[in-house]
Protein backbone atom coordinates (compact mmCIF):
# COMPACT_ATOMS: atom_id res chain seq x y z
CA MET A 1 44.17 16.71 -79.75
CA LYS A 2 43.39 17.02 -76.04
CA PRO A 3 43.89 14.16 -73.58
CA VAL A 4 41.22 13.27 -71.04
CA ILE A 5 42.36 13.19 -67.41
CA ALA A 6 40.05 11.84 -64.69
CA ILE A 7 40.30 13.02 -61.09
CA VAL A 8 39.49 10.13 -58.72
CA GLY A 9 39.80 9.28 -55.05
CA ARG A 10 37.78 8.59 -51.94
CA PRO A 11 35.16 11.13 -50.81
CA ASN A 12 36.13 14.56 -49.46
CA VAL A 13 39.81 14.66 -50.49
CA GLY A 14 39.40 17.82 -52.61
CA LYS A 15 38.74 16.43 -56.10
CA SER A 16 36.16 19.08 -57.02
CA THR A 17 38.38 21.85 -55.66
CA LEU A 18 41.20 20.62 -57.91
CA PHE A 19 38.78 20.38 -60.84
CA ASN A 20 37.68 24.00 -60.33
CA ARG A 21 41.32 25.08 -60.11
CA LEU A 22 42.17 23.36 -63.40
CA ILE A 23 39.24 24.75 -65.40
CA GLY A 24 39.68 28.22 -63.91
CA ARG A 25 36.21 28.78 -62.47
CA ARG A 26 33.93 27.57 -59.70
CA SER A 27 31.96 24.98 -61.65
CA ALA A 28 31.72 21.89 -59.44
CA LEU A 29 30.01 22.20 -56.06
CA VAL A 30 32.45 22.21 -53.14
CA ASP A 31 31.38 21.48 -49.56
CA PRO A 32 32.92 19.66 -46.56
CA THR A 33 30.05 17.16 -46.69
CA PRO A 34 31.34 13.90 -48.24
CA GLY A 35 29.62 12.70 -51.42
CA VAL A 36 28.51 16.09 -52.80
CA THR A 37 29.66 15.15 -56.33
CA ARG A 38 27.51 12.42 -57.88
CA ASP A 39 27.67 12.65 -61.68
CA ARG A 40 30.92 13.00 -63.56
CA ARG A 41 31.55 16.51 -64.83
CA GLU A 42 33.84 17.52 -67.71
CA GLY A 43 35.58 20.82 -68.35
CA ASP A 44 38.31 22.38 -70.51
CA ALA A 45 41.35 22.51 -68.25
CA MET A 46 44.48 24.63 -68.45
CA LEU A 47 47.63 23.88 -66.47
CA GLY A 48 50.64 25.93 -67.49
CA LYS A 49 51.17 25.18 -71.17
CA LEU A 50 48.95 22.09 -71.13
CA ARG A 51 45.37 22.00 -72.40
CA PHE A 52 43.26 18.93 -71.62
CA THR A 53 39.78 17.75 -70.64
CA ALA A 54 39.43 17.29 -66.88
CA VAL A 55 36.77 14.95 -65.49
CA ASP A 56 35.53 15.36 -61.91
CA THR A 57 34.12 12.15 -60.43
CA ALA A 58 32.20 10.94 -57.41
CA GLY A 59 34.19 9.73 -54.41
CA LEU A 60 35.08 6.06 -54.58
CA GLU A 61 33.45 3.83 -51.98
CA GLU A 62 34.50 0.26 -51.19
CA ALA A 63 30.93 -1.00 -50.62
CA PRO A 64 28.12 1.26 -51.88
CA GLU A 65 25.11 1.13 -49.58
CA SER A 66 22.36 2.31 -51.94
CA GLN A 67 21.35 2.23 -55.58
CA VAL A 68 22.38 5.86 -56.02
CA GLU A 69 25.86 5.18 -54.63
CA SER A 70 26.19 2.16 -56.93
CA GLU A 71 25.32 4.37 -59.91
CA MET A 72 27.89 6.91 -58.72
CA GLN A 73 30.57 4.21 -58.73
CA LEU A 74 29.61 3.11 -62.23
CA GLN A 75 29.94 6.69 -63.48
CA THR A 76 33.39 6.95 -61.86
CA GLN A 77 34.52 3.63 -63.33
CA ARG A 78 33.41 4.73 -66.80
CA ALA A 79 35.38 7.96 -66.39
CA ILE A 80 38.50 5.94 -65.50
CA GLN A 81 38.03 3.62 -68.50
CA ASP A 82 37.62 6.52 -70.94
CA ALA A 83 40.52 8.60 -69.58
CA ASP A 84 44.04 8.84 -70.99
CA ALA A 85 45.38 9.30 -67.45
CA ALA A 86 44.02 9.48 -63.91
CA LEU A 87 44.91 11.65 -60.92
CA LEU A 88 44.44 9.57 -57.75
CA VAL A 89 43.96 12.20 -55.05
CA PHE A 90 44.34 11.60 -51.31
CA ASP A 91 44.28 13.87 -48.27
CA ALA A 92 47.88 14.24 -47.04
CA ARG A 93 46.74 15.72 -43.72
CA ALA A 94 44.67 12.61 -42.97
CA GLY A 95 47.37 10.27 -44.26
CA VAL A 96 46.84 7.11 -46.29
CA THR A 97 43.62 5.38 -45.22
CA PRO A 98 42.58 1.76 -45.86
CA LEU A 99 40.19 3.11 -48.50
CA ASP A 100 43.09 4.87 -50.26
CA ARG A 101 45.04 1.60 -50.26
CA HIS A 102 42.06 -0.31 -51.64
CA PHE A 103 41.61 2.01 -54.57
CA ALA A 104 45.34 2.29 -55.20
CA ASP A 105 45.26 -1.49 -55.76
CA MET A 106 42.34 -1.00 -58.15
CA MET A 107 44.03 1.84 -60.05
CA ARG A 108 47.21 -0.21 -60.58
CA LYS A 109 45.11 -2.48 -62.81
CA SER A 110 44.05 0.48 -64.99
CA ARG A 111 45.32 0.56 -68.57
CA SER A 112 46.03 4.30 -68.27
CA PRO A 113 48.85 5.99 -66.32
CA VAL A 114 48.02 6.91 -62.73
CA ILE A 115 49.46 10.01 -61.05
CA LEU A 116 49.36 9.99 -57.25
CA VAL A 117 48.39 13.44 -55.93
CA ALA A 118 48.82 14.42 -52.27
CA ASN A 119 46.35 17.23 -51.69
CA LYS A 120 46.09 19.72 -48.79
CA CYS A 121 49.89 20.00 -48.46
CA GLU A 122 49.88 23.69 -47.55
CA ALA A 123 51.15 22.93 -44.02
CA ARG A 124 54.06 20.87 -42.67
CA SER A 125 51.58 18.64 -40.86
CA ALA A 126 50.90 17.01 -44.23
CA ASP A 127 54.51 15.85 -44.75
CA ALA A 128 54.06 12.59 -42.88
CA GLY A 129 50.98 11.65 -44.88
CA ARG A 130 52.70 12.49 -48.17
CA LEU A 131 55.73 10.30 -47.33
CA GLU A 132 53.42 7.51 -46.22
CA ALA A 133 51.96 7.39 -49.74
CA TYR A 134 55.15 5.82 -51.16
CA GLU A 135 53.88 2.47 -49.83
CA LEU A 136 51.06 2.57 -52.38
CA GLY A 137 53.52 1.72 -55.15
CA LEU A 138 52.33 4.39 -57.57
CA GLY A 139 55.54 6.41 -57.69
CA ASP A 140 56.34 9.79 -56.21
CA PRO A 141 53.27 11.59 -54.85
CA VAL A 142 52.86 15.11 -56.24
CA ALA A 143 52.37 17.53 -53.34
CA ILE A 144 49.73 20.19 -54.04
CA ALA A 145 47.17 22.36 -52.25
CA SER A 146 44.40 22.77 -54.82
CA GLU A 147 42.52 25.33 -52.73
CA HIS A 148 45.54 27.66 -52.72
CA GLY A 149 47.07 26.77 -56.09
CA ILE A 150 50.26 25.33 -54.53
CA GLY A 151 52.24 22.71 -56.48
CA MET A 152 50.55 23.21 -59.86
CA PRO A 153 53.87 23.37 -61.82
CA ASP A 154 54.88 20.02 -60.28
CA LEU A 155 51.53 18.55 -61.32
CA GLU A 156 52.09 19.85 -64.86
CA ASP A 157 55.47 18.11 -65.04
CA ALA A 158 53.97 14.87 -63.72
CA ILE A 159 51.21 14.90 -66.37
CA LEU A 160 53.76 15.53 -69.14
CA ALA A 161 55.88 12.63 -67.90
CA ALA A 162 52.90 10.28 -67.57
CA LEU A 163 51.67 11.10 -71.10
CA GLU A 164 55.13 11.04 -72.64
CA GLY A 165 53.95 9.28 -75.82
CA PHE A 166 50.86 11.43 -76.27
CA GLU A 167 50.74 13.61 -79.41
CA TRP A 168 49.93 17.02 -77.98
CA ASP A 169 48.95 19.84 -80.28
CA LYS A 170 52.01 22.02 -80.86
CA GLU A 171 49.99 25.08 -79.90
CA ASP A 172 49.30 23.45 -76.52
CA LEU A 173 52.99 22.90 -75.75
CA ASP A 174 54.50 25.99 -77.38
CA PRO A 175 53.33 29.26 -75.79
CA LYS A 176 54.60 31.32 -78.74
CA ALA A 177 52.63 29.21 -81.21
CA ARG A 178 49.54 29.41 -79.00
CA TYR A 179 49.72 33.19 -78.71
CA ALA A 180 50.27 33.49 -82.47
CA ALA A 181 47.18 31.36 -83.09
CA GLU A 182 45.12 33.53 -80.72
CA ASP A 183 46.31 36.69 -82.53
CA ARG A 184 45.45 35.13 -85.88
CA ILE A 185 41.91 34.29 -84.76
CA ALA A 186 41.43 37.78 -83.33
CA ALA A 187 42.60 39.35 -86.60
CA GLU A 188 40.17 37.19 -88.59
CA LEU A 189 37.31 38.25 -86.35
CA ASP A 190 38.28 41.92 -86.72
CA ASP A 191 38.23 41.61 -90.51
CA GLU A 192 34.66 40.31 -90.51
CA SER A 193 32.45 43.37 -90.90
CA ASP A 194 29.01 43.13 -89.33
CA GLU A 195 26.39 45.81 -89.10
CA GLU A 196 24.97 44.35 -85.92
CA GLU A 197 26.14 45.94 -82.72
CA GLU A 198 26.08 42.69 -80.77
CA GLU A 199 28.80 40.08 -80.87
CA VAL A 200 28.23 37.16 -83.25
CA TYR A 201 28.14 33.84 -81.40
CA HIS A 202 29.81 30.84 -83.07
CA GLY A 203 29.64 28.24 -80.28
CA PRO A 204 27.21 25.40 -79.58
CA LEU A 205 23.57 25.91 -78.66
CA GLN A 206 23.43 26.10 -74.85
CA LEU A 207 20.43 24.00 -73.79
CA ALA A 208 19.49 23.73 -70.09
CA ILE A 209 17.00 21.19 -68.74
CA VAL A 210 15.30 22.54 -65.60
CA GLY A 211 12.28 21.84 -63.40
CA ARG A 212 11.14 20.76 -59.96
CA PRO A 213 12.77 17.73 -58.30
CA ASN A 214 11.80 14.28 -59.55
CA VAL A 215 10.01 15.36 -62.77
CA GLY A 216 12.35 13.26 -64.95
CA LYS A 217 15.02 15.75 -66.08
CA SER A 218 17.96 13.36 -65.87
CA THR A 219 15.99 10.53 -67.47
CA LEU A 220 15.15 12.88 -70.34
CA VAL A 221 18.83 13.83 -70.75
CA ASN A 222 19.87 10.17 -70.90
CA LYS A 223 17.21 9.42 -73.52
CA LEU A 224 18.28 12.37 -75.67
CA LEU A 225 21.92 11.27 -75.52
CA GLY A 226 21.15 7.58 -75.91
CA ASP A 227 23.48 6.89 -72.98
CA GLU A 228 23.25 6.52 -69.19
CA ARG A 229 25.29 9.69 -68.80
CA VAL A 230 23.75 10.99 -65.56
CA ILE A 231 22.42 9.17 -62.52
CA THR A 232 18.67 8.62 -62.26
CA GLY A 233 16.38 7.07 -59.68
CA PRO A 234 13.01 7.38 -57.94
CA GLU A 235 14.44 9.53 -55.14
CA ALA A 236 14.06 13.30 -55.45
CA GLY A 237 17.21 15.44 -55.50
CA ILE A 238 19.67 12.91 -56.95
CA THR A 239 21.24 15.48 -59.30
CA ARG A 240 23.24 18.14 -57.46
CA ASP A 241 25.69 19.69 -59.93
CA ALA A 242 24.64 21.24 -63.23
CA ILE A 243 26.25 18.71 -65.57
CA SER A 244 27.12 19.93 -69.09
CA ILE A 245 27.60 17.49 -71.97
CA GLU A 246 28.91 18.42 -75.42
CA TRP A 247 26.82 16.71 -78.08
CA THR A 248 25.85 16.96 -81.76
CA TRP A 249 22.29 16.39 -82.97
CA GLN A 250 21.74 16.17 -86.73
CA GLY A 251 24.77 18.35 -87.39
CA THR A 252 23.94 20.96 -84.74
CA PRO A 253 26.46 21.21 -81.87
CA ILE A 254 24.64 21.39 -78.53
CA LYS A 255 25.87 21.84 -74.99
CA LEU A 256 23.27 20.00 -72.94
CA ILE A 257 23.04 20.93 -69.26
CA ASP A 258 21.24 18.75 -66.72
CA THR A 259 20.39 20.67 -63.55
CA ALA A 260 19.27 20.04 -60.00
CA GLY A 261 15.58 20.32 -59.17
CA MET A 262 14.36 23.68 -57.88
CA ARG A 263 12.06 23.67 -54.84
CA ARG A 264 10.47 26.64 -53.15
CA LYS A 265 12.93 28.68 -51.09
CA ALA A 266 10.98 28.00 -47.90
CA ARG A 267 11.65 24.27 -48.28
CA ILE A 268 15.39 24.56 -48.90
CA ASP A 269 17.22 24.12 -45.62
CA LYS A 270 20.39 22.21 -46.52
CA LYS A 271 23.52 24.03 -47.64
CA VAL A 272 24.23 21.55 -50.45
CA GLU A 273 20.75 22.06 -51.89
CA LYS A 274 21.21 25.82 -51.76
CA LEU A 275 24.45 25.42 -53.72
CA SER A 276 22.67 23.15 -56.23
CA VAL A 277 19.89 25.68 -56.82
CA GLY A 278 22.50 28.40 -57.29
CA ASP A 279 24.18 26.18 -59.90
CA THR A 280 20.83 25.76 -61.68
CA LEU A 281 20.17 29.51 -61.72
CA GLU A 282 23.60 30.07 -63.24
CA ALA A 283 22.86 27.44 -65.92
CA ILE A 284 19.66 29.32 -66.84
CA ARG A 285 21.55 32.62 -66.94
CA PHE A 286 24.04 31.33 -69.52
CA ALA A 287 21.65 29.16 -71.55
CA HIS A 288 20.16 30.05 -74.92
CA VAL A 289 17.12 27.76 -74.72
CA VAL A 290 15.70 26.32 -71.51
CA VAL A 291 13.50 23.23 -71.49
CA LEU A 292 11.17 23.41 -68.48
CA VAL A 293 10.13 19.85 -67.58
CA VAL A 294 6.79 19.56 -65.79
CA ASP A 295 5.04 16.50 -64.37
CA ALA A 296 1.94 15.66 -66.38
CA THR A 297 0.28 14.13 -63.33
CA MET A 298 0.37 17.38 -61.31
CA MET A 299 0.89 20.19 -63.81
CA PRO A 300 1.56 22.97 -63.62
CA GLU A 301 2.24 23.74 -59.99
CA LYS A 302 3.06 27.19 -58.66
CA GLN A 303 6.78 26.36 -58.56
CA ASP A 304 6.69 25.49 -62.30
CA LEU A 305 5.33 28.95 -63.04
CA VAL A 306 7.91 30.57 -60.76
CA ILE A 307 10.71 28.81 -62.67
CA ALA A 308 9.16 29.82 -66.01
CA ARG A 309 8.96 33.45 -64.85
CA HIS A 310 12.64 33.36 -63.89
CA ILE A 311 13.57 31.98 -67.34
CA ILE A 312 11.65 34.81 -68.98
CA ASP A 313 13.23 37.43 -66.71
CA GLU A 314 16.65 36.17 -67.78
CA GLY A 315 15.66 36.63 -71.43
CA ARG A 316 16.00 32.95 -72.39
CA ALA A 317 13.91 31.12 -74.99
CA ILE A 318 11.69 28.51 -73.40
CA VAL A 319 10.17 25.15 -74.38
CA ILE A 320 7.87 23.27 -71.99
CA ALA A 321 8.26 19.48 -71.91
CA VAL A 322 5.28 17.75 -70.29
CA ASN A 323 6.81 14.50 -69.01
CA LYS A 324 5.09 11.28 -67.86
CA TRP A 325 2.42 11.80 -70.53
CA ASP A 326 2.02 8.02 -70.84
CA VAL A 327 0.14 7.89 -67.51
CA VAL A 328 -2.28 10.76 -68.25
CA GLU A 329 -5.84 9.55 -68.78
CA ASP A 330 -7.45 12.73 -70.17
CA GLY A 331 -4.82 14.45 -72.34
CA PRO A 332 -6.94 17.31 -73.76
CA ALA A 333 -8.21 18.30 -70.30
CA ALA A 334 -4.67 18.26 -68.87
CA LEU A 335 -3.36 20.49 -71.68
CA LYS A 336 -6.27 22.89 -71.32
CA LEU A 337 -5.54 23.22 -67.61
CA MET A 338 -1.89 24.01 -68.33
CA PHE A 339 -2.63 26.60 -71.02
CA ASP A 340 -5.23 28.30 -68.82
CA ARG A 341 -2.78 28.63 -65.94
CA MET A 342 -0.04 29.91 -68.25
CA GLU A 343 -2.40 32.50 -69.76
CA ILE A 344 -3.19 33.82 -66.27
CA SER A 345 0.26 33.58 -64.68
CA LEU A 346 2.52 34.28 -67.68
CA PRO A 347 0.72 36.86 -69.83
CA GLN A 348 4.04 38.47 -70.79
CA ILE A 349 4.94 35.53 -73.02
CA ARG A 350 2.65 33.77 -75.47
CA GLY A 351 3.02 30.94 -77.92
CA VAL A 352 5.44 28.89 -75.82
CA PRO A 353 6.09 25.52 -77.55
CA VAL A 354 4.70 22.61 -75.54
CA VAL A 355 5.86 19.03 -76.16
CA THR A 356 4.14 16.06 -74.51
CA LEU A 357 6.47 13.11 -73.96
CA SER A 358 7.52 10.24 -71.75
CA ALA A 359 11.23 10.13 -70.94
CA LEU A 360 10.82 6.65 -69.49
CA THR A 361 9.31 5.08 -72.64
CA SER A 362 10.83 7.53 -75.20
CA ARG A 363 7.34 8.45 -76.41
CA GLY A 364 7.35 11.90 -78.04
CA ILE A 365 11.10 12.47 -77.42
CA HIS A 366 11.69 13.02 -81.15
CA LYS A 367 9.49 16.14 -81.10
CA LEU A 368 11.52 18.03 -78.49
CA LEU A 369 14.72 19.05 -80.28
CA PRO A 370 13.00 20.33 -83.46
CA GLU A 371 11.00 22.68 -81.21
CA VAL A 372 14.21 23.71 -79.42
CA LEU A 373 15.92 24.60 -82.70
CA ALA A 374 12.83 26.45 -83.94
CA VAL A 375 12.56 28.63 -80.84
CA TYR A 376 16.34 29.19 -80.93
CA GLU A 377 15.96 30.59 -84.45
CA VAL A 378 13.19 32.91 -83.23
CA TRP A 379 15.37 34.01 -80.31
CA ASN A 380 18.06 35.06 -82.82
CA ARG A 381 15.65 36.74 -85.27
CA ARG A 382 16.00 40.38 -86.34
CA VAL A 383 13.30 42.59 -87.89
CA PRO A 384 14.36 45.20 -90.50
CA THR A 385 13.71 48.79 -89.43
CA GLY A 386 11.49 49.59 -92.43
CA PRO A 387 8.78 46.95 -91.87
CA LEU A 388 9.01 47.54 -88.12
CA ASN A 389 8.18 51.26 -88.43
CA ARG A 390 5.43 50.66 -90.98
CA TRP A 391 3.80 48.37 -88.44
CA LEU A 392 4.45 50.93 -85.68
CA GLY A 393 2.59 53.64 -87.62
CA TYR A 394 -0.42 51.37 -88.02
CA ALA A 395 -0.31 50.32 -84.34
CA VAL A 396 -0.16 53.94 -83.12
CA GLU A 397 -2.97 54.98 -85.44
CA ARG A 398 -5.17 52.13 -84.22
CA HIS A 399 -4.39 52.78 -80.55
CA PRO A 400 -2.76 56.21 -79.89
CA PRO A 401 -0.48 56.65 -76.85
CA PRO A 402 -2.09 58.19 -73.75
CA ILE A 403 -1.92 61.81 -72.58
CA PHE A 404 0.81 62.78 -70.13
CA HIS A 405 0.87 66.17 -68.34
CA GLY A 406 -1.78 67.53 -70.68
CA ARG A 407 -0.05 66.49 -73.91
CA ARG A 408 -0.37 63.28 -75.90
CA LEU A 409 2.78 61.19 -75.97
CA ARG A 410 4.43 60.97 -79.38
CA ILE A 411 6.24 57.88 -80.64
CA ARG A 412 8.74 58.87 -83.33
CA TYR A 413 10.21 55.56 -84.50
CA MET A 414 11.42 52.12 -83.41
CA THR A 415 14.40 49.93 -84.16
CA GLN A 416 15.61 46.51 -83.03
CA SER A 417 18.83 47.07 -81.10
CA LYS A 418 19.72 43.40 -80.58
CA SER A 419 18.50 39.83 -80.58
CA ARG A 420 19.06 37.04 -78.01
CA PRO A 421 16.46 38.03 -76.71
CA PRO A 422 14.76 40.33 -79.26
CA THR A 423 15.19 43.86 -77.89
CA PHE A 424 13.63 47.00 -79.38
CA VAL A 425 14.23 50.69 -78.76
CA VAL A 426 11.25 53.06 -78.99
CA PHE A 427 12.02 56.78 -79.35
CA THR A 428 9.28 58.84 -77.73
CA SER A 429 8.70 62.40 -76.53
CA GLN A 430 8.29 61.50 -72.84
CA PRO A 431 9.73 58.09 -71.86
CA LYS A 432 8.77 58.49 -68.20
CA GLY A 433 5.14 59.03 -69.12
CA MET A 434 4.71 55.81 -71.09
CA PRO A 435 2.51 53.40 -69.06
CA GLU A 436 3.27 49.69 -68.76
CA SER A 437 -0.05 48.85 -70.41
CA TYR A 438 0.99 50.58 -73.64
CA ILE A 439 4.39 48.85 -73.60
CA ARG A 440 2.55 45.52 -73.29
CA TYR A 441 0.35 46.55 -76.23
CA LEU A 442 3.44 47.15 -78.38
CA THR A 443 5.09 43.93 -77.15
CA ASN A 444 2.08 41.77 -78.01
CA GLY A 445 1.74 43.50 -81.37
CA ILE A 446 5.37 42.77 -82.26
CA ARG A 447 4.98 39.15 -81.16
CA GLU A 448 1.92 38.62 -83.36
CA GLU A 449 3.00 40.68 -86.39
CA PHE A 450 6.56 39.37 -86.68
CA ASP A 451 6.04 35.88 -85.25
CA PHE A 452 8.02 35.76 -81.99
CA PRO A 453 6.44 32.83 -80.09
CA GLY A 454 8.08 31.40 -77.00
CA VAL A 455 10.68 34.12 -76.47
CA PRO A 456 10.67 37.18 -74.20
CA ILE A 457 10.57 40.57 -75.94
CA ARG A 458 12.16 43.61 -74.36
CA ILE A 459 11.29 47.22 -75.16
CA ASN A 460 13.48 50.11 -74.03
CA LEU A 461 12.27 53.71 -74.19
CA ARG A 462 14.42 56.66 -75.18
CA GLY A 463 13.75 60.36 -75.46
CA GLN A 464 15.22 62.73 -78.03
CA LYS A 465 18.27 64.66 -76.98
CA ASN A 466 17.44 68.23 -75.91
CA PRO A 467 20.31 70.27 -74.44
CA TYR A 468 17.86 72.82 -72.98
CA ALA A 469 15.75 70.28 -71.12
CA PRO A 470 16.58 68.98 -67.61
CA GLY A 471 18.69 65.86 -67.97
CA GLY A 472 19.35 66.54 -71.64
CA ASP A 473 16.81 64.01 -72.95
CA GLY A 474 13.59 66.00 -72.96
CA THR A 475 12.14 64.28 -69.90
């Protein structure tokens, strides 16, 4: 059983830096600009022998000025309510501010234990601010410097003391038991024989929601979850971090990732937006299936096709969600326009599932996840070598390979080396002489013959080993 610990405080005191330190990777965006974090972000944290769920939150404001800031405060308040403990972080170099005092008063009313954390204590100049924090009445402030990893053992002791009655898993508290459990799991995995060369994945389906700004990605995520989990609004660019949410749909564990909108590079001039786009690209890189959300009233624009091309280049399965379908007057004409543009701009992938929906009214939402699971199954599919080579013989007979340096290229056989995405190895006499057009011919043939819609297919060429030929591969 893992406790949930929320990290709260006023803007720009280092909450996201501490969150990244606890989860062991750069997940939350960090920038000197106040208010970078907007949605709450969760991650599996490790601090010494402790294992818990850390929650990064937006900076607390005494009087939110806009609707977005009000939504940010609601998300932070929900994180505090759901947490088993809270880390109230303040900047020791700046000292205790009136805003720190205001929220210390608020946190004293919380049902959960509150740990006062003095951040940025790497220099002696922070001592005065740390001592000043005793007036807040929340006990001894824990002095840390999250950017440099200073004071983490003290923070571990403070969390253990605050959650004294919590029933931790024994493996969390006992390093020997934890290491024994890890060895046991490794041994079990070693005993499982598998003919596939690739590693078998046992985790949740990684599903990323991407698209241009203001196409309704966050609204779609909230509708899928049935909860106001991420902030939405009419303004473009509200989402900044790629927010991941663990979720189960009809027995299938899913890690749902809401991402920031991706504009053309020429229009990105702010550092925070550049960081957000980088976060989105990383979400695509580690996803299994990517839902590309497009606006039905202006679809598909060039940037939509650029994003789709990037998803394909990363080898991810793709589903296109056409949002705001409730305001489209001529549905068949709009779909025809989209398919025509995809046929011209994305010829390397055919049969992409397209779901028309309205995230605002929930119309068509129920059709999205069945398509996601179907394309995920295709992305994991493997073709036996026998049927694959029988098809290859027919394909080569119908359309023989071209001539290279006066001799016709010979294709000996083919095998599927891996899935996720489907990847095939073709053994041929002269790999360097095989034109791209013939590789596309084989790719389209595999897609049609073995039913691989909506996923990229990769073909690698290999030559036969020849010790007397330059390079040793006959090329």
